[in-house]
PDB file of all heavy atoms in Angstrom:
ATOM      1  N   ILE A   1      15.553  43.487  34.801  1.00  0.00           N
ATOM      2  CA  ILE A   1      15.303  44.628  33.917  1.00  0.00           C
ATOM      3  C   ILE A   1      16.051  45.868  34.394  1.00  0.00           C
ATOM      4  O   ILE A   1      16.733  46.538  33.612  1.00  0.00           O
ATOM      5  CB  ILE A   1      13.778  44.871  33.780  1.00  0.00           C
ATOM      6  CG1 ILE A   1      13.156  43.719  32.958  1.00  0.00           C
ATOM      7  CG2 ILE A   1      13.481  46.234  33.148  1.00  0.00           C
ATOM      8  CD1 ILE A   1      11.646  43.767  32.827  1.00  0.00           C
ATOM      9  N   ARG A   2      15.972  46.193  35.698  1.00  0.00           N
ATOM     10  CA  ARG A   2      16.673  47.394  36.180  1.00  0.00           C
ATOM     11  C   ARG A   2      18.184  47.256  36.001  1.00  0.00           C
ATOM     12  O   ARG A   2      18.864  48.234  35.690  1.00  0.00           O
ATOM     13  CB  ARG A   2      16.298  47.720  37.617  1.00  0.00           C
ATOM     14  CG  ARG A   2      16.793  46.757  38.606  1.00  0.00           C
ATOM     15  CD  ARG A   2      17.703  47.154  39.691  1.00  0.00           C
ATOM     16  NE  ARG A   2      17.263  46.421  40.862  1.00  0.00           N
ATOM     17  CZ  ARG A   2      17.976  45.467  41.440  1.00  0.00           C
ATOM     18  NH1 ARG A   2      19.171  45.134  40.988  1.00  0.00           N
ATOM     19  NH2 ARG A   2      17.497  44.830  42.478  1.00  0.00           N
ATOM     20  N   ASN A   3      18.723  46.034  36.143  1.00  0.00           N
ATOM     21  CA  ASN A   3      20.164  45.859  35.950  1.00  0.00           C
ATOM     22  C   ASN A   3      20.557  45.960  34.480  1.00  0.00           C
ATOM     23  O   ASN A   3      21.678  46.352  34.164  1.00  0.00           O
ATOM     24  CB  ASN A   3      20.632  44.524  36.531  1.00  0.00           C
ATOM     25  CG  ASN A   3      20.804  44.588  38.040  1.00  0.00           C
ATOM     26  OD1 ASN A   3      20.739  45.670  38.629  1.00  0.00           O
ATOM     27  ND2 ASN A   3      21.025  43.448  38.670  1.00  0.00           N
ATOM     28  N   MET A   4      19.635  45.617  33.567  1.00  0.00           N
ATOM     29  CA  MET A   4      19.927  45.782  32.146  1.00  0.00           C
ATOM     30  C   MET A   4      19.811  47.250  31.718  1.00  0.00           C
ATOM     31  O   MET A   4      20.472  47.675  30.763  1.00  0.00           O
ATOM     32  CB  MET A   4      19.015  44.893  31.305  1.00  0.00           C
ATOM     33  CG  MET A   4      19.407  43.413  31.336  1.00  0.00           C
ATOM     34  SD  MET A   4      21.146  43.086  30.891  1.00  0.00           S
ATOM     35  CE  MET A   4      21.205  43.737  29.217  1.00  0.00           C
ATOM     36  N   VAL A   5      18.999  48.025  32.414  1.00  0.00           N
ATOM     37  CA  VAL A   5      18.990  49.480  32.173  1.00  0.00           C
ATOM     38  C   VAL A   5      20.377  50.040  32.472  1.00  0.00           C
ATOM     39  O   VAL A   5      20.936  50.837  31.712  1.00  0.00           O
ATOM     40  CB  VAL A   5      17.897  50.169  33.018  1.00  0.00           C
ATOM     41  CG1 VAL A   5      18.087  51.683  33.045  1.00  0.00           C
ATOM     42  CG2 VAL A   5      16.512  49.813  32.486  1.00  0.00           C
ATOM     43  N   MET A   6      20.975  49.585  33.576  1.00  0.00           N
ATOM     44  CA  MET A   6      22.327  50.022  33.927  1.00  0.00           C
ATOM     45  C   MET A   6      23.351  49.484  32.925  1.00  0.00           C
ATOM     46  O   MET A   6      24.292  50.193  32.542  1.00  0.00           O
ATOM     47  CB  MET A   6      22.675  49.578  35.355  1.00  0.00           C
ATOM     48  CG  MET A   6      23.980  50.163  35.871  1.00  0.00           C
ATOM     49  SD  MET A   6      23.962  51.975  35.971  1.00  0.00           S
ATOM     50  CE  MET A   6      23.022  52.213  37.487  1.00  0.00           C
ATOM     51  N   PHE A   7      23.173  48.240  32.481  1.00  0.00           N
ATOM     52  CA  PHE A   7      24.052  47.646  31.461  1.00  0.00           C
ATOM     53  C   PHE A   7      24.095  48.569  30.241  1.00  0.00           C
ATOM     54  O   PHE A   7      25.170  48.881  29.714  1.00  0.00           O
ATOM     55  CB  PHE A   7      23.514  46.260  31.075  1.00  0.00           C
ATOM     56  CG  PHE A   7      24.299  45.518  30.019  1.00  0.00           C
ATOM     57  CD1 PHE A   7      25.130  44.459  30.353  1.00  0.00           C
ATOM     58  CD2 PHE A   7      24.183  45.846  28.662  1.00  0.00           C
ATOM     59  CE1 PHE A   7      25.837  43.750  29.376  1.00  0.00           C
ATOM     60  CE2 PHE A   7      24.882  45.161  27.680  1.00  0.00           C
ATOM     61  CZ  PHE A   7      25.716  44.107  28.040  1.00  0.00           C
ATOM     62  N   ARG A   8      22.910  49.018  29.768  1.00  0.00           N
ATOM     63  CA  ARG A   8      22.862  49.875  28.582  1.00  0.00           C
ATOM     64  C   ARG A   8      23.626  51.176  28.811  1.00  0.00           C
ATOM     65  O   ARG A   8      24.313  51.669  27.915  1.00  0.00           O
ATOM     66  CB  ARG A   8      21.410  50.163  28.184  1.00  0.00           C
ATOM     67  CG  ARG A   8      21.274  50.851  26.820  1.00  0.00           C
ATOM     68  CD  ARG A   8      19.814  50.967  26.392  1.00  0.00           C
ATOM     69  NE  ARG A   8      19.690  51.399  25.002  1.00  0.00           N
ATOM     70  CZ  ARG A   8      19.777  50.604  23.958  1.00  0.00           C
ATOM     71  NH1 ARG A   8      20.001  49.306  24.114  1.00  0.00           N
ATOM     72  NH2 ARG A   8      19.648  51.079  22.719  1.00  0.00           N
ATOM     73  N   ASN A   9      23.494  51.738  30.020  1.00  0.00           N
ATOM     74  CA  ASN A   9      24.257  52.956  30.334  1.00  0.00           C
ATOM     75  C   ASN A   9      25.756  52.703  30.263  1.00  0.00           C
ATOM     76  O   ASN A   9      26.516  53.514  29.724  1.00  0.00           O
ATOM     77  CB  ASN A   9      23.901  53.455  31.740  1.00  0.00           C
ATOM     78  CG  ASN A   9      22.471  53.946  31.855  1.00  0.00           C
ATOM     79  OD1 ASN A   9      21.814  54.241  30.863  1.00  0.00           O
ATOM     80  ND2 ASN A   9      21.979  54.040  33.087  1.00  0.00           N
ATOM     81  N   VAL A  10      26.190  51.571  30.815  1.00  0.00           N
ATOM     82  CA  VAL A  10      27.630  51.257  30.893  1.00  0.00           C
ATOM     83  C   VAL A  10      28.229  51.045  29.505  1.00  0.00           C
ATOM     84  O   VAL A  10      29.372  51.441  29.241  1.00  0.00           O
ATOM     85  CB  VAL A  10      27.856  50.013  31.788  1.00  0.00           C
ATOM     86  CG1 VAL A  10      29.310  49.543  31.716  1.00  0.00           C
ATOM     87  CG2 VAL A  10      27.473  50.324  33.234  1.00  0.00           C
ATOM     88  N   VAL A  11      27.470  50.432  28.587  1.00  0.00           N
ATOM     89  CA  VAL A  11      28.019  50.106  27.257  1.00  0.00           C
ATOM     90  C   VAL A  11      27.698  51.165  26.209  1.00  0.00           C
ATOM     91  O   VAL A  11      28.024  51.002  25.032  1.00  0.00           O
ATOM     92  CB  VAL A  11      27.506  48.729  26.757  1.00  0.00           C
ATOM     93  CG1 VAL A  11      27.836  47.639  27.760  1.00  0.00           C
ATOM     94  CG2 VAL A  11      26.004  48.760  26.455  1.00  0.00           C
ATOM     95  N   ASP A  12      27.076  52.263  26.608  1.00  0.00           N
ATOM     96  CA  ASP A  12      26.648  53.289  25.653  1.00  0.00           C
ATOM     97  C   ASP A  12      27.801  53.749  24.765  1.00  0.00           C
ATOM     98  O   ASP A  12      28.903  54.031  25.254  1.00  0.00           O
ATOM     99  CB  ASP A  12      26.085  54.495  26.429  1.00  0.00           C
ATOM    100  CG  ASP A  12      25.480  55.537  25.508  1.00  0.00           C
ATOM    101  OD1 ASP A  12      24.887  55.164  24.483  1.00  0.00           O
ATOM    102  OD2 ASP A  12      25.609  56.745  25.813  1.00  0.00           O
ATOM    103  N   GLY A  13      27.549  53.766  23.467  1.00  0.00           N
ATOM    104  CA  GLY A  13      28.555  54.213  22.510  1.00  0.00           C
ATOM    105  C   GLY A  13      29.510  53.137  22.043  1.00  0.00           C
ATOM    106  O   GLY A  13      30.318  53.368  21.136  1.00  0.00           O
ATOM    107  N   GLN A  14      29.420  51.941  22.629  1.00  0.00           N
ATOM    108  CA  GLN A  14      30.306  50.843  22.248  1.00  0.00           C
ATOM    109  C   GLN A  14      29.732  50.080  21.055  1.00  0.00           C
ATOM    110  O   GLN A  14      28.510  49.957  20.919  1.00  0.00           O
ATOM    111  CB  GLN A  14      30.469  49.881  23.432  1.00  0.00           C
ATOM    112  CG  GLN A  14      31.212  50.471  24.612  1.00  0.00           C
ATOM    113  CD  GLN A  14      32.706  50.594  24.353  1.00  0.00           C
ATOM    114  OE1 GLN A  14      33.356  49.644  23.941  1.00  0.00           O
ATOM    115  NE2 GLN A  14      33.256  51.776  24.585  1.00  0.00           N
ATOM    116  N   PRO A  15      30.589  49.532  20.207  1.00  0.00           N
ATOM    117  CA  PRO A  15      30.097  48.813  19.023  1.00  0.00           C
ATOM    118  C   PRO A  15      29.507  47.445  19.372  1.00  0.00           C
ATOM    119  O   PRO A  15      29.753  46.889  20.447  1.00  0.00           O
ATOM    120  CB  PRO A  15      31.359  48.645  18.168  1.00  0.00           C
ATOM    121  CG  PRO A  15      32.493  48.653  19.152  1.00  0.00           C
ATOM    122  CD  PRO A  15      32.066  49.606  20.241  1.00  0.00           C
ATOM    123  N   PHE A  16      28.707  46.942  18.449  1.00  0.00           N
ATOM    124  CA  PHE A  16      28.124  45.594  18.525  1.00  0.00           C
ATOM    125  C   PHE A  16      29.202  44.618  18.071  1.00  0.00           C
ATOM    126  O   PHE A  16      29.659  44.682  16.928  1.00  0.00           O
ATOM    127  CB  PHE A  16      26.902  45.570  17.604  1.00  0.00           C
ATOM    128  CG  PHE A  16      26.177  44.257  17.530  1.00  0.00           C
ATOM    129  CD1 PHE A  16      25.356  43.837  18.565  1.00  0.00           C
ATOM    130  CD2 PHE A  16      26.278  43.456  16.397  1.00  0.00           C
ATOM    131  CE1 PHE A  16      24.655  42.639  18.473  1.00  0.00           C
ATOM    132  CE2 PHE A  16      25.592  42.259  16.302  1.00  0.00           C
ATOM    133  CZ  PHE A  16      24.779  41.855  17.344  1.00  0.00           C
ATOM    134  N   THR A  17      29.640  43.723  18.966  1.00  0.00           N
ATOM    135  CA  THR A  17      30.823  42.899  18.676  1.00  0.00           C
ATOM    136  C   THR A  17      30.622  41.444  19.120  1.00  0.00           C
ATOM    137  O   THR A  17      29.689  41.136  19.873  1.00  0.00           O
ATOM    138  CB  THR A  17      32.063  43.441  19.420  1.00  0.00           C
ATOM    139  OG1 THR A  17      31.723  43.630  20.808  1.00  0.00           O
ATOM    140  CG2 THR A  17      32.523  44.766  18.848  1.00  0.00           C
ATOM    141  N   ASN A  18      31.559  40.589  18.690  1.00  0.00           N
ATOM    142  CA  ASN A  18      31.686  39.204  19.182  1.00  0.00           C
ATOM    143  C   ASN A  18      30.369  38.423  19.172  1.00  0.00           C
ATOM    144  O   ASN A  18      30.044  37.713  20.122  1.00  0.00           O
ATOM    145  CB  ASN A  18      32.285  39.208  20.611  1.00  0.00           C
ATOM    146  CG  ASN A  18      33.731  39.666  20.611  1.00  0.00           C
ATOM    147  OD1 ASN A  18      34.554  39.163  19.849  1.00  0.00           O
ATOM    148  ND2 ASN A  18      34.041  40.646  21.445  1.00  0.00           N
ATOM    149  N   TRP A  19      29.653  38.555  18.055  1.00  0.00           N
ATOM    150  CA  TRP A  19      28.416  37.754  17.928  1.00  0.00           C
ATOM    151  C   TRP A  19      28.771  36.273  17.885  1.00  0.00           C
ATOM    152  O   TRP A  19      29.736  35.852  17.242  1.00  0.00           O
ATOM    153  CB  TRP A  19      27.660  38.125  16.657  1.00  0.00           C
ATOM    154  CG  TRP A  19      26.466  37.237  16.414  1.00  0.00           C
ATOM    155  CD1 TRP A  19      26.446  36.073  15.689  1.00  0.00           C
ATOM    156  CD2 TRP A  19      25.137  37.401  16.922  1.00  0.00           C
ATOM    157  NE1 TRP A  19      25.191  35.514  15.698  1.00  0.00           N
ATOM    158  CE2 TRP A  19      24.359  36.311  16.456  1.00  0.00           C
ATOM    159  CE3 TRP A  19      24.526  38.361  17.724  1.00  0.00           C
ATOM    160  CZ2 TRP A  19      23.006  36.158  16.764  1.00  0.00           C
ATOM    161  CZ3 TRP A  19      23.169  38.220  18.028  1.00  0.00           C
ATOM    162  CH2 TRP A  19      22.437  37.119  17.549  1.00  0.00           C
ATOM    163  N   TRP A  20      27.982  35.467  18.584  1.00  0.00           N
ATOM    164  CA  TRP A  20      28.102  34.006  18.522  1.00  0.00           C
ATOM    165  C   TRP A  20      26.700  33.423  18.533  1.00  0.00           C
ATOM    166  O   TRP A  20      25.798  33.945  19.207  1.00  0.00           O
ATOM    167  CB  TRP A  20      28.874  33.478  19.743  1.00  0.00           C
ATOM    168  CG  TRP A  20      28.801  31.974  19.880  1.00  0.00           C
ATOM    169  CD1 TRP A  20      29.628  31.052  19.294  1.00  0.00           C
ATOM    170  CD2 TRP A  20      27.838  31.225  20.628  1.00  0.00           C
ATOM    171  NE1 TRP A  20      29.234  29.771  19.629  1.00  0.00           N
ATOM    172  CE2 TRP A  20      28.132  29.847  20.443  1.00  0.00           C
ATOM    173  CE3 TRP A  20      26.744  31.570  21.425  1.00  0.00           C
ATOM    174  CZ2 TRP A  20      27.385  28.821  21.032  1.00  0.00           C
ATOM    175  CZ3 TRP A  20      25.989  30.557  22.018  1.00  0.00           C
ATOM    176  CH2 TRP A  20      26.313  29.192  21.818  1.00  0.00           C
ATOM    177  N   ASP A  21      26.501  32.352  17.763  1.00  0.00           N
ATOM    178  CA  ASP A  21      25.247  31.599  17.888  1.00  0.00           C
ATOM    179  C   ASP A  21      25.512  30.136  17.558  1.00  0.00           C
ATOM    180  O   ASP A  21      26.545  29.787  16.979  1.00  0.00           O
ATOM    181  CB  ASP A  21      24.153  32.169  16.968  1.00  0.00           C
ATOM    182  CG  ASP A  21      24.455  32.001  15.487  1.00  0.00           C
ATOM    183  OD1 ASP A  21      24.404  30.852  14.991  1.00  0.00           O
ATOM    184  OD2 ASP A  21      24.723  33.018  14.808  1.00  0.00           O
ATOM    185  N   ASN A  22      24.587  29.278  17.958  1.00  0.00           N
ATOM    186  CA  ASN A  22      24.733  27.847  17.700  1.00  0.00           C
ATOM    187  C   ASN A  22      23.881  27.411  16.513  1.00  0.00           C
ATOM    188  O   ASN A  22      23.616  26.226  16.335  1.00  0.00           O
ATOM    189  CB  ASN A  22      24.344  27.031  18.949  1.00  0.00           C
ATOM    190  CG  ASN A  22      22.839  27.109  19.245  1.00  0.00           C
ATOM    191  OD1 ASN A  22      22.160  28.019  18.777  1.00  0.00           O
ATOM    192  ND2 ASN A  22      22.330  26.144  20.018  1.00  0.00           N
ATOM    193  N   GLY A  23      23.425  28.385  15.718  1.00  0.00           N
ATOM    194  CA  GLY A  23      22.563  28.083  14.596  1.00  0.00           C
ATOM    195  C   GLY A  23      21.114  27.895  14.988  1.00  0.00           C
ATOM    196  O   GLY A  23      20.250  27.674  14.146  1.00  0.00           O
ATOM    197  N   SER A  24      20.850  27.999  16.276  1.00  0.00           N
ATOM    198  CA  SER A  24      19.487  27.793  16.771  1.00  0.00           C
ATOM    199  C   SER A  24      19.088  28.960  17.695  1.00  0.00           C
ATOM    200  O   SER A  24      19.068  30.106  17.248  1.00  0.00           O
ATOM    201  CB  SER A  24      19.399  26.441  17.490  1.00  0.00           C
ATOM    202  OG  SER A  24      18.066  26.152  17.878  1.00  0.00           O
ATOM    203  N   ASN A  25      18.847  28.676  18.965  1.00  0.00           N
ATOM    204  CA  ASN A  25      18.348  29.715  19.873  1.00  0.00           C
ATOM    205  C   ASN A  25      19.282  30.000  21.041  1.00  0.00           C
ATOM    206  O   ASN A  25      18.843  30.452  22.096  1.00  0.00           O
ATOM    207  CB  ASN A  25      16.954  29.332  20.380  1.00  0.00           C
ATOM    208  CG  ASN A  25      15.920  29.423  19.273  1.00  0.00           C
ATOM    209  OD1 ASN A  25      15.582  30.515  18.807  1.00  0.00           O
ATOM    210  ND2 ASN A  25      15.447  28.263  18.823  1.00  0.00           N
ATOM    211  N   GLN A  26      20.567  29.705  20.841  1.00  0.00           N
ATOM    212  CA  GLN A  26      21.592  30.125  21.777  1.00  0.00           C
ATOM    213  C   GLN A  26      22.442  31.185  21.078  1.00  0.00           C
ATOM    214  O   GLN A  26      23.006  30.918  20.012  1.00  0.00           O
ATOM    215  CB  GLN A  26      22.461  28.942  22.211  1.00  0.00           C
ATOM    216  CG  GLN A  26      21.670  27.869  22.945  1.00  0.00           C
ATOM    217  CD  GLN A  26      22.510  26.663  23.337  1.00  0.00           C
ATOM    218  OE1 GLN A  26      23.713  26.614  23.086  1.00  0.00           O
ATOM    219  NE2 GLN A  26      21.858  25.677  23.953  1.00  0.00           N
ATOM    220  N   VAL A  27      22.487  32.383  21.663  1.00  0.00           N
ATOM    221  CA  VAL A  27      23.229  33.480  21.037  1.00  0.00           C
ATOM    222  C   VAL A  27      23.970  34.266  22.112  1.00  0.00           C
ATOM    223  O   VAL A  27      23.626  34.210  23.297  1.00  0.00           O
ATOM    224  CB  VAL A  27      22.317  34.443  20.247  1.00  0.00           C
ATOM    225  CG1 VAL A  27      21.506  33.705  19.184  1.00  0.00           C
ATOM    226  CG2 VAL A  27      21.399  35.241  21.166  1.00  0.00           C
ATOM    227  N   ALA A  28      24.986  35.002  21.670  1.00  0.00           N
ATOM    228  CA  ALA A  28      25.724  35.886  22.570  1.00  0.00           C
ATOM    229  C   ALA A  28      26.287  37.037  21.747  1.00  0.00           C
ATOM    230  O   ALA A  28      26.506  36.895  20.534  1.00  0.00           O
ATOM    231  CB  ALA A  28      26.853  35.134  23.269  1.00  0.00           C
TER     232      ALA A  28
END
C-alpha cells in the first residue's frame, strides 16, 4: 500500500493508457 501511494505520486497527471484484459479477471 505505501509503495502504491508513491506510485500514484509518480504517475500524477499521466493519462490512463494501454488497457489489457483476458476477458476475465486478468487486467493491466
